[in-house]
Amino acid sequence: MPPSSLDRVIILAAGLGLRLGALTSDRPKALIHVAGQTLLERGLGFASSLAPREIVVVAGGGATLPRSP
């Protein structure tokens, strides 16, 4: 895909996923595996393909995600 003029992509990864039942009993919904990748990995892969300057992940309370400087 050609480079884009996107400044920022925001991925909404917050929420407990209570409606997903047993799938989220031990992990947040962003970390559920679908076809070998987590939902978050899928979102990050797609966002990266858009070549934005910045990718921001909005995580819910209690989340610990790596943060770039």
PDB file of N, CA and C in Angstrom:
ATOM      1  N   MET A   1       0.848  -1.163   0.000  1.00  0.00           N
ATOM      2  CA  MET A   1       0.000   0.000   0.000  1.00  0.00           C
ATOM      3  C   MET A   1       0.902   1.237   0.000  1.00  0.00           C
ATOM      4  N   PRO A   2       0.587   2.247  -0.792  1.00  0.00           N
ATOM      5  CA  PRO A   2       1.428   3.448  -0.840  1.00  0.00           C
ATOM      6  C   PRO A   2       1.351   4.237   0.453  1.00  0.00           C
ATOM      7  N   PRO A   3       2.397   5.006   0.762  1.00  0.00           N
ATOM      8  CA  PRO A   3       2.369   5.821   1.980  1.00  0.00           C
ATOM      9  C   PRO A   3       1.162   6.756   1.973  1.00  0.00           C
ATOM     10  N   SER A   4       0.639   6.991   3.149  1.00  0.00           N
ATOM     11  CA  SER A   4      -0.528   7.861   3.253  1.00  0.00           C
ATOM     12  C   SER A   4      -0.145   9.151   3.957  1.00  0.00           C
ATOM     13  N   SER A   5      -1.095  10.027   4.014  1.00  0.00           N
ATOM     14  CA  SER A   5      -0.863  11.289   4.706  1.00  0.00           C
ATOM     15  C   SER A   5      -1.496  11.266   6.097  1.00  0.00           C
ATOM     16  N   LEU A   6      -1.769  10.061   6.610  1.00  0.00           N
ATOM     17  CA  LEU A   6      -2.367   9.951   7.936  1.00  0.00           C
ATOM     18  C   LEU A   6      -1.371  10.373   9.001  1.00  0.00           C
ATOM     19  N   ASP A   7      -1.847  11.185   9.891  1.00  0.00           N
ATOM     20  CA  ASP A   7      -1.037  11.614  11.020  1.00  0.00           C
ATOM     21  C   ASP A   7      -1.057  10.570  12.130  1.00  0.00           C
ATOM     22  N   ARG A   8      -2.262  10.086  12.419  1.00  0.00           N
ATOM     23  CA  ARG A   8      -2.425   9.218  13.589  1.00  0.00           C
ATOM     24  C   ARG A   8      -3.568   8.235  13.348  1.00  0.00           C
ATOM     25  N   VAL A   9      -3.364   7.017  13.821  1.00  0.00           N
ATOM     26  CA  VAL A   9      -4.415   6.001  13.848  1.00  0.00           C
ATOM     27  C   VAL A   9      -4.652   5.671  15.312  1.00  0.00           C
ATOM     28  N   ILE A  10      -5.911   5.641  15.706  1.00  0.00           N
ATOM     29  CA  ILE A  10      -6.269   5.322  17.091  1.00  0.00           C
ATOM     30  C   ILE A  10      -6.998   3.980  17.111  1.00  0.00           C
ATOM     31  N   ILE A  11      -6.482   3.061  17.921  1.00  0.00           N
ATOM     32  CA  ILE A  11      -7.104   1.743  18.077  1.00  0.00           C
ATOM     33  C   ILE A  11      -7.777   1.711  19.444  1.00  0.00           C
ATOM     34  N   LEU A  12      -9.069   1.467  19.439  1.00  0.00           N
ATOM     35  CA  LEU A  12      -9.823   1.394  20.694  1.00  0.00           C
ATOM     36  C   LEU A  12      -9.777  -0.045  21.209  1.00  0.00           C
ATOM     37  N   ALA A  13      -8.993  -0.257  22.267  1.00  0.00           N
ATOM     38  CA  ALA A  13      -8.814  -1.602  22.820  1.00  0.00           C
ATOM     39  C   ALA A  13      -9.294  -1.665  24.264  1.00  0.00           C
ATOM     40  N   ALA A  14     -10.176  -0.779  24.637  1.00  0.00           N
ATOM     41  CA  ALA A  14     -10.680  -0.732  26.011  1.00  0.00           C
ATOM     42  C   ALA A  14     -11.911  -1.633  26.142  1.00  0.00           C
ATOM     43  N   GLY A  15     -12.266  -1.918  27.344  1.00  0.00           N
ATOM     44  CA  GLY A  15     -13.467  -2.695  27.616  1.00  0.00           C
ATOM     45  C   GLY A  15     -13.135  -4.095  28.089  1.00  0.00           C
ATOM     46  N   LEU A  16     -13.997  -4.623  28.907  1.00  0.00           N
ATOM     47  CA  LEU A  16     -13.769  -5.937  29.492  1.00  0.00           C
ATOM     48  C   LEU A  16     -14.265  -7.072  28.615  1.00  0.00           C
ATOM     49  N   GLY A  17     -15.126  -6.786  27.673  1.00  0.00           N
ATOM     50  CA  GLY A  17     -15.651  -7.838  26.815  1.00  0.00           C
ATOM     51  C   GLY A  17     -16.591  -8.773  27.536  1.00  0.00           C
ATOM     52  N   LEU A  18     -17.371  -8.249  28.458  1.00  0.00           N
ATOM     53  CA  LEU A  18     -18.267  -9.094  29.261  1.00  0.00           C
ATOM     54  C   LEU A  18     -19.254  -9.879  28.404  1.00  0.00           C
ATOM     55  N   ARG A  19     -19.690  -9.313  27.297  1.00  0.00           N
ATOM     56  CA  ARG A  19     -20.653 -10.017  26.437  1.00  0.00           C
ATOM     57  C   ARG A  19     -20.016 -11.178  25.688  1.00  0.00           C
ATOM     58  N   LEU A  20     -18.699 -11.296  25.760  1.00  0.00           N
ATOM     59  CA  LEU A  20     -18.012 -12.402  25.093  1.00  0.00           C
ATOM     60  C   LEU A  20     -17.870 -13.617  25.997  1.00  0.00           C
ATOM     61  N   GLY A  21     -18.406 -13.517  27.204  1.00  0.00           N
ATOM     62  CA  GLY A  21     -18.469 -14.653  28.124  1.00  0.00           C
ATOM     63  C   GLY A  21     -17.126 -15.272  28.464  1.00  0.00           C
ATOM     64  N   ALA A  22     -17.034 -16.592  28.297  1.00  0.00           N
ATOM     65  CA  ALA A  22     -15.843 -17.346  28.697  1.00  0.00           C
ATOM     66  C   ALA A  22     -14.592 -16.928  27.930  1.00  0.00           C
ATOM     67  N   LEU A  23     -14.749 -16.359  26.757  1.00  0.00           N
ATOM     68  CA  LEU A  23     -13.576 -15.934  25.970  1.00  0.00           C
ATOM     69  C   LEU A  23     -12.756 -14.873  26.695  1.00  0.00           C
ATOM     70  N   THR A  24     -13.413 -14.092  27.542  1.00  0.00           N
ATOM     71  CA  THR A  24     -12.721 -12.997  28.225  1.00  0.00           C
ATOM     72  C   THR A  24     -12.621 -13.210  29.732  1.00  0.00           C
ATOM     73  N   SER A  25     -12.786 -14.455  30.184  1.00  0.00           N
ATOM     74  CA  SER A  25     -12.725 -14.703  31.627  1.00  0.00           C
ATOM     75  C   SER A  25     -11.318 -14.496  32.185  1.00  0.00           C
ATOM     76  N   ASP A  26     -10.293 -14.682  31.360  1.00  0.00           N
ATOM     77  CA  ASP A  26      -8.919 -14.543  31.848  1.00  0.00           C
ATOM     78  C   ASP A  26      -8.079 -13.548  31.051  1.00  0.00           C
ATOM     79  N   ARG A  27      -8.717 -12.786  30.159  1.00  0.00           N
ATOM     80  CA  ARG A  27      -7.968 -11.809  29.359  1.00  0.00           C
ATOM     81  C   ARG A  27      -8.911 -10.752  28.802  1.00  0.00           C
ATOM     82  N   PRO A  28      -8.394  -9.560  28.513  1.00  0.00           N
ATOM     83  CA  PRO A  28      -9.225  -8.531  27.895  1.00  0.00           C
ATOM     84  C   PRO A  28      -9.555  -8.906  26.453  1.00  0.00           C
ATOM     85  N   LYS A  29     -10.622  -8.341  25.926  1.00  0.00           N
ATOM     86  CA  LYS A  29     -11.065  -8.732  24.586  1.00  0.00           C
ATOM     87  C   LYS A  29     -10.025  -8.435  23.515  1.00  0.00           C
ATOM     88  N   ALA A  30      -9.184  -7.442  23.704  1.00  0.00           N
ATOM     89  CA  ALA A  30      -8.153  -7.130  22.710  1.00  0.00           C
ATOM     90  C   ALA A  30      -7.132  -8.251  22.579  1.00  0.00           C
ATOM     91  N   LEU A  31      -7.069  -9.144  23.574  1.00  0.00           N
ATOM     92  CA  LEU A  31      -6.088 -10.232  23.552  1.00  0.00           C
ATOM     93  C   LEU A  31      -6.703 -11.590  23.209  1.00  0.00           C
ATOM     94  N   ILE A  32      -7.940 -11.583  22.725  1.00  0.00           N
ATOM     95  CA  ILE A  32      -8.570 -12.814  22.251  1.00  0.00           C
ATOM     96  C   ILE A  32      -7.946 -13.178  20.910  1.00  0.00           C
ATOM     97  N   HIS A  33      -7.627 -14.463  20.733  1.00  0.00           N
ATOM     98  CA  HIS A  33      -7.041 -14.934  19.475  1.00  0.00           C
ATOM     99  C   HIS A  33      -8.132 -15.262  18.455  1.00  0.00           C
ATOM    100  N   VAL A  34      -7.932 -14.773  17.252  1.00  0.00           N
ATOM    101  CA  VAL A  34      -8.810 -15.078  16.127  1.00  0.00           C
ATOM    102  C   VAL A  34      -7.893 -15.466  14.962  1.00  0.00           C
ATOM    103  N   ALA A  35      -8.005 -16.681  14.500  1.00  0.00           N
ATOM    104  CA  ALA A  35      -7.189 -17.173  13.380  1.00  0.00           C
ATOM    105  C   ALA A  35      -5.700 -16.927  13.596  1.00  0.00           C
ATOM    106  N   GLY A  36      -5.229 -17.226  14.815  1.00  0.00           N
ATOM    107  CA  GLY A  36      -3.794 -17.165  15.090  1.00  0.00           C
ATOM    108  C   GLY A  36      -3.228 -15.827  15.517  1.00  0.00           C
ATOM    109  N   GLN A  37      -4.050 -14.796  15.572  1.00  0.00           N
ATOM    110  CA  GLN A  37      -3.590 -13.479  16.014  1.00  0.00           C
ATOM    111  C   GLN A  37      -4.593 -12.897  16.996  1.00  0.00           C
ATOM    112  N   THR A  38      -4.084 -12.064  17.918  1.00  0.00           N
ATOM    113  CA  THR A  38      -5.025 -11.385  18.811  1.00  0.00           C
ATOM    114  C   THR A  38      -5.725 -10.270  18.032  1.00  0.00           C
ATOM    115  N   LEU A  39      -6.851  -9.836  18.556  1.00  0.00           N
ATOM    116  CA  LEU A  39      -7.555  -8.719  17.922  1.00  0.00           C
ATOM    117  C   LEU A  39      -6.661  -7.481  17.871  1.00  0.00           C
ATOM    118  N   LEU A  40      -5.865  -7.289  18.925  1.00  0.00           N
ATOM    119  CA  LEU A  40      -4.954  -6.139  18.950  1.00  0.00           C
ATOM    120  C   LEU A  40      -3.881  -6.271  17.863  1.00  0.00           C
ATOM    121  N   GLU A  41      -3.306  -7.462  17.696  1.00  0.00           N
ATOM    122  CA  GLU A  41      -2.305  -7.669  16.643  1.00  0.00           C
ATOM    123  C   GLU A  41      -2.897  -7.393  15.266  1.00  0.00           C
ATOM    124  N   ARG A  42      -4.128  -7.826  15.065  1.00  0.00           N
ATOM    125  CA  ARG A  42      -4.795  -7.573  13.788  1.00  0.00           C
ATOM    126  C   ARG A  42      -4.976  -6.081  13.552  1.00  0.00           C
ATOM    127  N   GLY A  43      -5.416  -5.384  14.595  1.00  0.00           N
ATOM    128  CA  GLY A  43      -5.599  -3.935  14.477  1.00  0.00           C
ATOM    129  C   GLY A  43      -4.295  -3.210  14.218  1.00  0.00           C
ATOM    130  N   LEU A  44      -3.236  -3.623  14.930  1.00  0.00           N
ATOM    131  CA  LEU A  44      -1.922  -2.994  14.733  1.00  0.00           C
ATOM    132  C   LEU A  44      -1.375  -3.280  13.336  1.00  0.00           C
ATOM    133  N   GLY A  45      -1.589  -4.486  12.847  1.00  0.00           N
ATOM    134  CA  GLY A  45      -1.131  -4.829  11.497  1.00  0.00           C
ATOM    135  C   GLY A  45      -1.810  -3.985  10.441  1.00  0.00           C
ATOM    136  N   PHE A  46      -3.134  -3.834  10.573  1.00  0.00           N
ATOM    137  CA  PHE A  46      -3.863  -3.016   9.612  1.00  0.00           C
ATOM    138  C   PHE A  46      -3.445  -1.553   9.725  1.00  0.00           C
ATOM    139  N   ALA A  47      -3.336  -1.069  10.956  1.00  0.00           N
ATOM    140  CA  ALA A  47      -2.931   0.328  11.152  1.00  0.00           C
ATOM    141  C   ALA A  47      -1.550   0.580  10.559  1.00  0.00           C
ATOM    142  N   SER A  48      -0.627  -0.353  10.758  1.00  0.00           N
ATOM    143  CA  SER A  48       0.726  -0.209  10.203  1.00  0.00           C
ATOM    144  C   SER A  48       0.709  -0.157   8.683  1.00  0.00           C
ATOM    145  N   SER A  49      -0.197  -0.904   8.072  1.00  0.00           N
ATOM    146  CA  SER A  49      -0.273  -0.914   6.611  1.00  0.00           C
ATOM    147  C   SER A  49      -0.700   0.443   6.045  1.00  0.00           C
ATOM    148  N   LEU A  50      -1.303   1.264   6.882  1.00  0.00           N
ATOM    149  CA  LEU A  50      -1.717   2.610   6.457  1.00  0.00           C
ATOM    150  C   LEU A  50      -0.579   3.614   6.553  1.00  0.00           C
ATOM    151  N   ALA A  51       0.524   3.225   7.170  1.00  0.00           N
ATOM    152  CA  ALA A  51       1.734   4.046   7.319  1.00  0.00           C
ATOM    153  C   ALA A  51       1.484   5.403   7.977  1.00  0.00           C
ATOM    154  N   PRO A  52       0.802   5.405   9.128  1.00  0.00           N
ATOM    155  CA  PRO A  52       0.613   6.682   9.823  1.00  0.00           C
ATOM    156  C   PRO A  52       1.900   7.085  10.536  1.00  0.00           C
ATOM    157  N   ARG A  53       1.968   8.337  10.931  1.00  0.00           N
ATOM    158  CA  ARG A  53       3.124   8.795  11.716  1.00  0.00           C
ATOM    159  C   ARG A  53       3.094   8.215  13.121  1.00  0.00           C
ATOM    160  N   GLU A  54       1.892   7.964  13.635  1.00  0.00           N
ATOM    161  CA  GLU A  54       1.744   7.505  15.019  1.00  0.00           C
ATOM    162  C   GLU A  54       0.556   6.562  15.120  1.00  0.00           C
ATOM    163  N   ILE A  55       0.715   5.527  15.950  1.00  0.00           N
ATOM    164  CA  ILE A  55      -0.396   4.632  16.273  1.00  0.00           C
ATOM    165  C   ILE A  55      -0.620   4.724  17.776  1.00  0.00           C
ATOM    166  N   VAL A  56      -1.849   5.032  18.170  1.00  0.00           N
ATOM    167  CA  VAL A  56      -2.210   5.173  19.577  1.00  0.00           C
ATOM    168  C   VAL A  56      -3.185   4.052  19.918  1.00  0.00           C
ATOM    169  N   VAL A  57      -2.919   3.335  21.017  1.00  0.00           N
ATOM    170  CA  VAL A  57      -3.825   2.296  21.495  1.00  0.00           C
ATOM    171  C   VAL A  57      -4.477   2.814  22.770  1.00  0.00           C
ATOM    172  N   VAL A  58      -5.804   2.917  22.743  1.00  0.00           N
ATOM    173  CA  VAL A  58      -6.558   3.342  23.925  1.00  0.00           C
ATOM    174  C   VAL A  58      -6.963   2.079  24.667  1.00  0.00           C
ATOM    175  N   ALA A  59      -6.383   1.897  25.862  1.00  0.00           N
ATOM    176  CA  ALA A  59      -6.639   0.697  26.652  1.00  0.00           C
ATOM    177  C   ALA A  59      -7.483   1.060  27.871  1.00  0.00           C
ATOM    178  N   GLY A  60      -8.192   0.094  28.395  1.00  0.00           N
ATOM    179  CA  GLY A  60      -9.050   0.335  29.544  1.00  0.00           C
ATOM    180  C   GLY A  60      -8.293   0.355  30.848  1.00  0.00           C
ATOM    181  N   GLY A  61      -9.033   0.552  31.915  1.00  0.00           N
ATOM    182  CA  GLY A  61      -8.440   0.587  33.242  1.00  0.00           C
ATOM    183  C   GLY A  61      -7.743  -0.716  33.587  1.00  0.00           C
ATOM    184  N   GLY A  62      -6.618  -0.611  34.225  1.00  0.00           N
ATOM    185  CA  GLY A  62      -5.867  -1.787  34.612  1.00  0.00           C
ATOM    186  C   GLY A  62      -4.992  -2.349  33.511  1.00  0.00           C
ATOM    187  N   ALA A  63      -5.015  -1.749  32.338  1.00  0.00           N
ATOM    188  CA  ALA A  63      -4.219  -2.251  31.217  1.00  0.00           C
ATOM    189  C   ALA A  63      -2.761  -1.816  31.376  1.00  0.00           C
ATOM    190  N   THR A  64      -1.880  -2.692  30.985  1.00  0.00           N
ATOM    191  CA  THR A  64      -0.467  -2.343  30.944  1.00  0.00           C
ATOM    192  C   THR A  64       0.057  -2.688  29.561  1.00  0.00           C
ATOM    193  N   LEU A  65       0.248  -1.686  28.745  1.00  0.00           N
ATOM    194  CA  LEU A  65       0.759  -1.860  27.403  1.00  0.00           C
ATOM    195  C   LEU A  65       2.072  -1.115  27.269  1.00  0.00           C
ATOM    196  N   PRO A  66       2.977  -1.607  26.432  1.00  0.00           N
ATOM    197  CA  PRO A  66       4.226  -0.879  26.224  1.00  0.00           C
ATOM    198  C   PRO A  66       3.951   0.499  25.669  1.00  0.00           C
ATOM    199  N   ARG A  67       4.774   1.421  26.003  1.00  0.00           N
ATOM    200  CA  ARG A  67       4.586   2.811  25.570  1.00  0.00           C
ATOM    201  C   ARG A  67       5.883   3.291  24.961  1.00  0.00           C
ATOM    202  N   SER A  68       5.806   3.873  23.787  1.00  0.00           N
ATOM    203  CA  SER A  68       7.016   4.384  23.157  1.00  0.00           C
ATOM    204  C   SER A  68       7.266   5.806  23.609  1.00  0.00           C
ATOM    205  N   PRO A  69       8.532   6.224  23.631  1.00  0.00           N
ATOM    206  CA  PRO A  69       8.861   7.580  24.092  1.00  0.00           C
ATOM    207  C   PRO A  69       8.350   8.654  23.150  1.00  0.00           C
TER     208      PRO A  69
END
